[in-house]
Amino acid sequence: MATVGPASTLPWAWYADEAVLRLEREAVFGRSWQYAARADQVAEPGRFAATRAGHIPVVVARARDGALRAFVNVCRHRGSILCEGEGRRETIQCPYHAWTYELDGRLRTAPRSDREPDFDPTALSLVPVAVDTWGPFVFVNPDQGAAPLAETLGDLPALVAGAGVDVDALRFHHRAEGDYEANWKLCVENYLECYHCQVAHPGFARVVDVSEEAYALEESRWSSSQFGPAKAGGGDGLAQAGEIGSGQFHFLFPNTTINVNPGYPNLSIGPVIPLAVTRAHRFLDYWFAPDVPAAWIEDMLAFDDQVGAEDRVLVERVQQGVGAGVVEAGVVMRSERLISHFRRLLADALGG
């Protein structure tokens, strides 16, 4: 029987090719569920939050009828971005020419439109975007015909609940964000393996058992998961406090990461957003149960920040290497098989 070697990575040219990014924007980010906002940001009629689905600007709003809606955050007149940040308003008004929309997307007024023959405001509503929630988390999908969010999430809610995290009881703490000088796929692939953890994340490896025997990997249709048990006495007792004895690190295709660290009930969630072919943006919304000690939160956030800073260096170094254009591709080890899962989903989305 022939020996089967390691699987291949994506072609390294894909991490520096503008044409590939254009395809990904249309076929991947334009047709997938992505974490976008917090439900508390749009809990009451009149509340809105500007966000993104990949490269697509999106505004999520709670209309007067109480329905949660989302739209492409672009004026139908000349294409200006309509909203920034979050807040409360009765209508959405474009800052360029004052075209004004209802929170259900209908065009309400357009200055001087009464002087235009055959002007039809019903044909100029905001472009709708699919929106749905999982607990306090708001997801959007530019594809109005997409399968329901619950079908895409699959077992993820049950896995998180099984870890001891009641998402509906969590309280938002803060958002951390930053840019990476790397292709978005490199950020995702780095997240999808802990083969590098022993060497590159010594602090993480003191808290979580990252050995091949202990660190478990699982795949589902649209997601993949990593499970790492807490080490006894690891991280100065960081993981020994609280009731969560094992870390969970989930990825929802194409770009949403969901993290539960050992210790007290906690969760962070956020997307990887391609800004340019070699530049990505990431944010994480951090949540904790109401009774988690403030000192533990402070220690956990410092721990997480350290891992994030180490990852930034790693992915930017890889971008420099793959962008050199000398080597065609690399290999994927058994401990990195979730990268192969991501590659299959990406290839399927791009038509093979």
Protein backbone atom coordinates (compact mmCIF):
# COMPACT_ATOMS: atom_id res chain seq x y z
CA MET A 1 0.00 0.00 0.00
CA ALA A 2 1.30 3.43 -0.91
CA THR A 3 2.13 5.82 1.90
CA VAL A 4 -0.11 8.88 2.02
CA GLY A 5 1.80 12.04 2.90
CA PRO A 6 0.55 15.21 4.57
CA ALA A 7 -2.23 17.12 2.87
CA SER A 8 -1.42 20.25 0.93
CA THR A 9 -2.26 23.78 1.98
CA LEU A 10 -4.09 26.16 -0.30
CA PRO A 11 -1.82 27.53 -3.03
CA TRP A 12 0.21 30.24 -1.37
CA ALA A 13 -0.55 32.59 -4.25
CA TRP A 14 -4.13 32.69 -2.94
CA TYR A 15 -2.96 34.74 0.04
CA ALA A 16 -1.71 37.60 -2.13
CA ASP A 17 -4.01 37.52 -5.17
CA GLU A 18 -6.56 40.30 -5.64
CA ALA A 19 -8.59 38.14 -8.03
CA VAL A 20 -9.00 35.44 -5.38
CA LEU A 21 -10.19 38.03 -2.85
CA ARG A 22 -12.78 39.33 -5.32
CA LEU A 23 -14.13 35.79 -5.73
CA GLU A 24 -14.20 35.27 -1.95
CA ARG A 25 -16.09 38.50 -1.38
CA GLU A 26 -18.82 37.48 -3.80
CA ALA A 27 -19.06 33.73 -3.24
CA VAL A 28 -18.14 33.49 0.45
CA PHE A 29 -18.82 36.69 2.37
CA GLY A 30 -21.78 37.62 0.19
CA ARG A 31 -23.53 34.32 0.97
CA SER A 32 -22.69 33.34 4.55
CA TRP A 33 -23.87 33.93 8.11
CA GLN A 34 -21.45 36.11 10.07
CA TYR A 35 -21.45 37.50 13.60
CA ALA A 36 -22.29 41.18 13.38
CA ALA A 37 -23.56 42.82 16.59
CA ARG A 38 -25.01 42.40 20.06
CA ALA A 39 -28.73 42.02 20.56
CA ASP A 40 -28.69 44.66 23.33
CA GLN A 41 -27.49 47.23 20.78
CA VAL A 42 -30.81 46.88 18.94
CA ALA A 43 -33.11 45.77 21.73
CA GLU A 44 -35.64 48.61 21.46
CA PRO A 45 -37.49 50.22 18.53
CA GLY A 46 -35.36 52.95 17.01
CA ARG A 47 -32.04 51.38 17.97
CA PHE A 48 -29.49 50.71 15.23
CA ALA A 49 -25.93 49.40 14.91
CA ALA A 50 -23.64 49.72 11.91
CA THR A 51 -21.52 46.68 11.21
CA ARG A 52 -20.12 44.60 8.34
CA ALA A 53 -20.54 41.26 6.64
CA GLY A 54 -17.07 40.83 5.24
CA HIS A 55 -16.60 43.80 2.91
CA ILE A 56 -20.32 44.66 2.88
CA PRO A 57 -21.42 47.54 5.13
CA VAL A 58 -24.57 46.58 7.03
CA VAL A 59 -26.91 48.36 9.40
CA VAL A 60 -29.00 46.35 11.86
CA ALA A 61 -32.09 48.14 13.21
CA ARG A 62 -35.12 47.51 15.39
CA ALA A 63 -38.08 48.96 13.48
CA ARG A 64 -41.14 50.61 15.03
CA ASP A 65 -43.09 47.36 14.74
CA GLY A 66 -40.48 45.65 16.92
CA ALA A 67 -39.06 43.54 14.10
CA LEU A 68 -35.28 43.13 13.83
CA ARG A 69 -34.11 44.02 10.34
CA ALA A 70 -30.81 44.48 8.52
CA PHE A 71 -29.91 46.30 5.32
CA VAL A 72 -26.93 47.10 3.19
CA ASN A 73 -25.71 50.33 4.77
CA VAL A 74 -25.60 52.18 1.44
CA CYS A 75 -27.87 54.95 0.17
CA ARG A 76 -29.80 54.07 -2.99
CA HIS A 77 -29.11 57.54 -4.42
CA ARG A 78 -25.36 57.94 -4.84
CA GLY A 79 -23.96 55.17 -2.68
CA SER A 80 -22.96 56.98 0.50
CA ILE A 81 -22.59 55.06 3.74
CA LEU A 82 -25.67 55.91 5.80
CA CYS A 83 -24.84 55.14 9.43
CA GLU A 84 -21.82 54.81 11.67
CA GLY A 85 -21.57 53.44 15.17
CA GLU A 86 -24.76 52.78 17.09
CA GLY A 87 -27.59 54.75 18.64
CA ARG A 88 -31.25 55.61 18.42
CA ARG A 89 -33.12 57.37 15.62
CA GLU A 90 -36.60 57.51 14.17
CA THR A 91 -35.36 57.28 10.58
CA ILE A 92 -32.13 56.68 8.69
CA GLN A 93 -31.03 59.80 6.85
CA CYS A 94 -28.17 59.94 4.38
CA PRO A 95 -25.64 62.65 5.35
CA TYR A 96 -24.94 63.41 1.68
CA HIS A 97 -28.28 64.49 0.18
CA ALA A 98 -30.71 63.80 3.05
CA TRP A 99 -32.51 60.87 1.47
CA THR A 100 -34.42 59.47 4.42
CA TYR A 101 -35.46 55.87 5.06
CA GLU A 102 -37.80 54.24 7.55
CA LEU A 103 -36.26 51.67 9.88
CA ASP A 104 -38.04 48.99 7.85
CA GLY A 105 -35.98 50.09 4.84
CA ARG A 106 -38.61 52.03 2.89
CA LEU A 107 -37.59 55.30 1.29
CA ARG A 108 -39.55 57.97 3.15
CA THR A 109 -38.39 61.20 1.47
CA ALA A 110 -35.94 62.31 -1.20
CA PRO A 111 -35.53 66.07 -1.60
CA ARG A 112 -36.91 67.37 -4.92
CA SER A 113 -38.11 63.93 -5.94
CA ASP A 114 -41.51 65.48 -6.65
CA ARG A 115 -39.89 67.25 -9.60
CA GLU A 116 -38.64 64.00 -11.13
CA PRO A 117 -40.93 62.30 -13.67
CA ASP A 118 -41.81 58.71 -12.81
CA PHE A 119 -39.89 58.78 -9.53
CA ASP A 120 -40.88 55.59 -7.69
CA PRO A 121 -39.78 55.49 -4.04
CA THR A 122 -40.99 51.90 -3.66
CA ALA A 123 -38.25 50.82 -6.05
CA LEU A 124 -35.56 52.53 -3.97
CA SER A 125 -35.85 50.87 -0.58
CA LEU A 126 -32.69 49.81 1.21
CA VAL A 127 -31.35 46.44 0.10
CA PRO A 128 -32.34 43.87 2.75
CA VAL A 129 -29.94 41.50 4.46
CA ALA A 130 -30.93 38.32 6.32
CA VAL A 131 -30.64 38.70 10.10
CA ASP A 132 -31.12 36.30 13.00
CA THR A 133 -29.95 35.76 16.56
CA TRP A 134 -28.46 33.11 18.80
CA GLY A 135 -29.07 34.31 22.33
CA PRO A 136 -27.46 37.78 22.64
CA PHE A 137 -25.54 37.39 19.37
CA VAL A 138 -26.78 38.95 16.10
CA PHE A 139 -25.76 37.36 12.82
CA VAL A 140 -26.30 38.68 9.30
CA ASN A 141 -26.15 37.10 5.86
CA PRO A 142 -26.23 39.19 2.65
CA ASP A 143 -27.97 36.27 0.93
CA GLN A 144 -31.70 36.68 1.57
CA GLY A 145 -32.31 33.13 0.42
CA ALA A 146 -29.84 31.56 2.83
CA ALA A 147 -30.69 28.58 5.02
CA PRO A 148 -31.73 29.55 8.58
CA LEU A 149 -29.00 30.49 11.03
CA ALA A 150 -29.91 27.56 13.28
CA GLU A 151 -29.13 25.14 10.47
CA THR A 152 -25.70 26.71 10.00
CA LEU A 153 -24.94 26.79 13.74
CA GLY A 154 -25.73 23.10 14.06
CA ASP A 155 -24.54 21.73 17.42
CA LEU A 156 -22.57 24.83 18.45
CA PRO A 157 -25.20 26.15 20.89
CA ALA A 158 -25.44 22.74 22.55
CA LEU A 159 -21.66 22.44 22.82
CA VAL A 160 -21.36 25.85 24.46
CA ALA A 161 -24.22 25.08 26.84
CA GLY A 162 -22.61 21.75 27.63
CA ALA A 163 -19.47 23.56 28.74
CA GLY A 164 -21.50 25.34 31.41
CA VAL A 165 -22.15 28.63 29.59
CA ASP A 166 -25.73 29.94 29.50
CA VAL A 167 -25.43 32.51 26.71
CA ASP A 168 -28.68 34.22 27.70
CA ALA A 169 -27.27 34.92 31.17
CA LEU A 170 -24.03 36.47 29.92
CA ARG A 171 -23.30 40.18 30.24
CA PHE A 172 -21.29 42.09 27.66
CA HIS A 173 -17.95 43.34 28.98
CA HIS A 174 -16.03 45.00 26.13
CA ARG A 175 -14.88 44.72 22.53
CA ALA A 176 -11.23 44.24 21.54
CA GLU A 177 -10.21 44.84 17.94
CA GLY A 178 -7.25 45.40 15.65
CA ASP A 179 -5.82 45.02 12.16
CA TYR A 180 -3.44 42.36 10.89
CA GLU A 181 -1.04 42.76 7.99
CA ALA A 182 -2.04 39.37 6.67
CA ASN A 183 -4.60 37.71 4.45
CA TRP A 184 -7.79 36.82 6.32
CA LYS A 185 -7.34 33.11 5.59
CA LEU A 186 -4.01 33.08 7.45
CA CYS A 187 -5.75 34.46 10.54
CA VAL A 188 -8.40 31.74 10.25
CA GLU A 189 -5.89 28.93 9.69
CA ASN A 190 -3.80 30.04 12.65
CA TYR A 191 -6.95 29.91 14.79
CA LEU A 192 -7.82 26.42 13.54
CA GLU A 193 -4.78 24.64 14.92
CA CYS A 194 -2.94 24.38 18.21
CA TYR A 195 0.02 22.50 16.73
CA HIS A 196 1.89 25.79 17.27
CA CYS A 197 0.71 26.36 20.83
CA GLN A 198 3.47 24.55 22.72
CA VAL A 199 6.13 26.62 20.99
CA ALA A 200 4.43 29.92 20.27
CA HIS A 201 1.97 30.21 23.22
CA PRO A 202 3.81 29.05 26.36
CA GLY A 203 1.32 30.86 28.60
CA PHE A 204 -1.64 29.17 26.92
CA ALA A 205 0.12 25.80 27.11
CA ARG A 206 0.53 26.24 30.88
CA VAL A 207 -3.23 26.65 31.26
CA VAL A 208 -4.57 24.22 28.62
CA ASP A 209 -3.28 20.74 27.83
CA VAL A 210 -2.28 21.08 24.16
CA SER A 211 -0.76 17.63 23.77
CA GLU A 212 -2.01 15.61 20.81
CA GLU A 213 -3.48 13.02 23.16
CA ALA A 214 -5.53 15.53 25.16
CA TYR A 215 -6.41 18.26 22.66
CA ALA A 216 -9.46 17.11 20.66
CA LEU A 217 -10.56 18.22 17.20
CA GLU A 218 -14.06 17.82 15.73
CA GLU A 219 -15.70 18.76 12.45
CA SER A 220 -19.31 19.51 11.56
CA ARG A 221 -20.96 20.65 8.34
CA TRP A 222 -20.28 24.37 8.73
CA SER A 223 -18.15 24.49 11.86
CA SER A 224 -15.18 22.94 13.55
CA SER A 225 -14.20 22.72 17.21
CA GLN A 226 -11.16 22.36 19.42
CA PHE A 227 -11.38 21.12 23.02
CA GLY A 228 -8.53 21.52 25.48
CA PRO A 229 -8.75 20.39 29.12
CA ALA A 230 -7.36 22.68 31.79
CA LYS A 231 -4.02 21.68 33.27
CA ALA A 232 -3.93 21.04 36.99
CA GLY A 233 -2.35 24.07 38.63
CA GLY A 234 -1.85 25.71 35.26
CA GLY A 235 -1.61 29.45 34.77
CA ASP A 236 -1.33 30.24 38.51
CA GLY A 237 -4.75 28.71 39.05
CA LEU A 238 -6.51 30.74 36.31
CA ALA A 239 -8.23 27.64 34.93
CA GLN A 240 -8.88 26.01 38.32
CA ALA A 241 -11.32 28.69 39.44
CA GLY A 242 -14.92 28.25 38.37
CA GLU A 243 -16.79 25.33 36.90
CA ILE A 244 -15.56 25.18 33.30
CA GLY A 245 -12.90 22.51 33.20
CA SER A 246 -12.12 22.51 29.49
CA GLY A 247 -11.64 25.20 26.89
CA GLN A 248 -13.73 25.22 23.70
CA PHE A 249 -12.66 27.06 20.57
CA HIS A 250 -15.19 26.97 17.74
CA PHE A 251 -15.06 28.25 14.18
CA LEU A 252 -18.18 28.94 12.12
CA PHE A 253 -17.43 29.20 8.41
CA PRO A 254 -16.38 31.50 6.91
CA ASN A 255 -15.00 33.78 9.62
CA THR A 256 -16.62 33.66 13.08
CA THR A 257 -14.62 32.50 16.11
CA ILE A 258 -16.25 31.52 19.41
CA ASN A 259 -14.08 30.96 22.49
CA VAL A 260 -14.78 29.58 25.95
CA ASN A 261 -11.78 29.54 28.27
CA PRO A 262 -11.50 27.27 31.30
CA GLY A 263 -12.60 28.86 34.56
CA TYR A 264 -15.72 30.89 35.24
CA PRO A 265 -18.49 31.23 32.62
CA ASN A 266 -17.07 33.31 29.79
CA LEU A 267 -17.32 33.62 26.03
CA SER A 268 -15.79 35.74 23.32
CA ILE A 269 -17.09 35.92 19.77
CA GLY A 270 -16.08 37.82 16.66
CA PRO A 271 -15.28 37.70 12.95
CA VAL A 272 -12.17 37.89 10.79
CA ILE A 273 -12.86 40.54 8.13
CA PRO A 274 -10.81 40.96 4.95
CA LEU A 275 -9.93 44.63 4.46
CA ALA A 276 -7.54 44.02 1.57
CA VAL A 277 -5.74 41.02 0.14
CA THR A 278 -2.95 41.27 2.75
CA ARG A 279 -4.84 43.08 5.52
CA ALA A 280 -7.51 41.79 7.88
CA HIS A 281 -9.52 43.18 10.78
CA ARG A 282 -10.59 41.21 13.82
CA PHE A 283 -12.80 42.03 16.76
CA LEU A 284 -13.90 39.99 19.75
CA ASP A 285 -16.85 40.78 21.98
CA TYR A 286 -16.16 39.50 25.50
CA TRP A 287 -18.95 38.24 27.74
CA PHE A 288 -19.04 36.95 31.32
CA ALA A 289 -21.64 35.63 33.74
CA PRO A 290 -22.83 38.38 36.13
CA ASP A 291 -21.18 36.89 39.23
CA VAL A 292 -17.70 36.26 37.80
CA PRO A 293 -15.07 37.89 40.08
CA ALA A 294 -13.58 41.06 38.59
CA ALA A 295 -10.04 39.95 39.48
CA TRP A 296 -10.47 36.71 37.52
CA ILE A 297 -11.81 38.65 34.51
CA GLU A 298 -8.78 40.93 34.62
CA ASP A 299 -6.40 37.95 34.72
CA MET A 300 -8.24 36.11 31.95
CA LEU A 301 -8.23 39.15 29.67
CA ALA A 302 -4.50 39.67 30.21
CA PHE A 303 -3.99 36.00 29.36
CA ASP A 304 -6.12 36.31 26.22
CA ASP A 305 -4.42 39.54 25.15
CA GLN A 306 -1.03 37.86 25.39
CA VAL A 307 -2.14 34.98 23.17
CA GLY A 308 -3.59 37.46 20.67
CA ALA A 309 -0.38 39.49 20.54
CA GLU A 310 1.62 36.34 19.89
CA ASP A 311 -0.77 35.30 17.12
CA ARG A 312 -0.46 38.67 15.40
CA VAL A 313 3.31 38.19 15.06
CA LEU A 314 2.83 34.64 13.77
CA VAL A 315 0.34 35.40 11.00
CA GLU A 316 2.20 38.48 9.81
CA ARG A 317 5.42 36.45 9.53
CA VAL A 318 3.55 33.81 7.52
CA GLN A 319 2.19 36.50 5.19
CA GLN A 320 5.71 37.64 4.47
CA GLY A 321 6.72 34.07 3.69
CA VAL A 322 3.84 33.01 1.48
CA GLY A 323 3.85 36.39 -0.24
CA ALA A 324 7.43 35.92 -1.41
CA GLY A 325 6.08 33.90 -4.34
CA VAL A 326 8.92 31.36 -4.30
CA VAL A 327 7.25 28.24 -2.85
CA GLU A 328 3.92 27.08 -4.33
CA ALA A 329 2.32 25.55 -1.23
CA GLY A 330 2.93 23.94 2.14
CA VAL A 331 1.64 20.89 3.99
CA VAL A 332 -1.01 20.32 6.64
CA MET A 333 -0.19 17.95 9.51
CA ARG A 334 -2.67 15.65 11.24
CA SER A 335 -2.88 18.06 14.18
CA GLU A 336 -3.94 20.74 11.69
CA ARG A 337 -6.74 18.83 10.02
CA LEU A 338 -9.31 21.53 10.76
CA ILE A 339 -7.41 23.63 8.22
CA SER A 340 -8.24 20.98 5.62
CA HIS A 341 -11.90 21.20 6.66
CA PHE A 342 -11.78 24.98 6.13
CA ARG A 343 -10.10 24.46 2.77
CA ARG A 344 -12.88 22.10 1.62
CA LEU A 345 -15.60 24.55 2.62
CA LEU A 346 -13.80 27.39 0.89
CA ALA A 347 -13.28 25.36 -2.28
CA ASP A 348 -16.97 24.37 -2.31
CA ALA A 349 -18.02 28.00 -1.91
CA LEU A 350 -15.77 29.04 -4.78
CA GLY A 351 -17.14 26.34 -7.03
CA GLY A 352 -14.42 23.75 -6.57
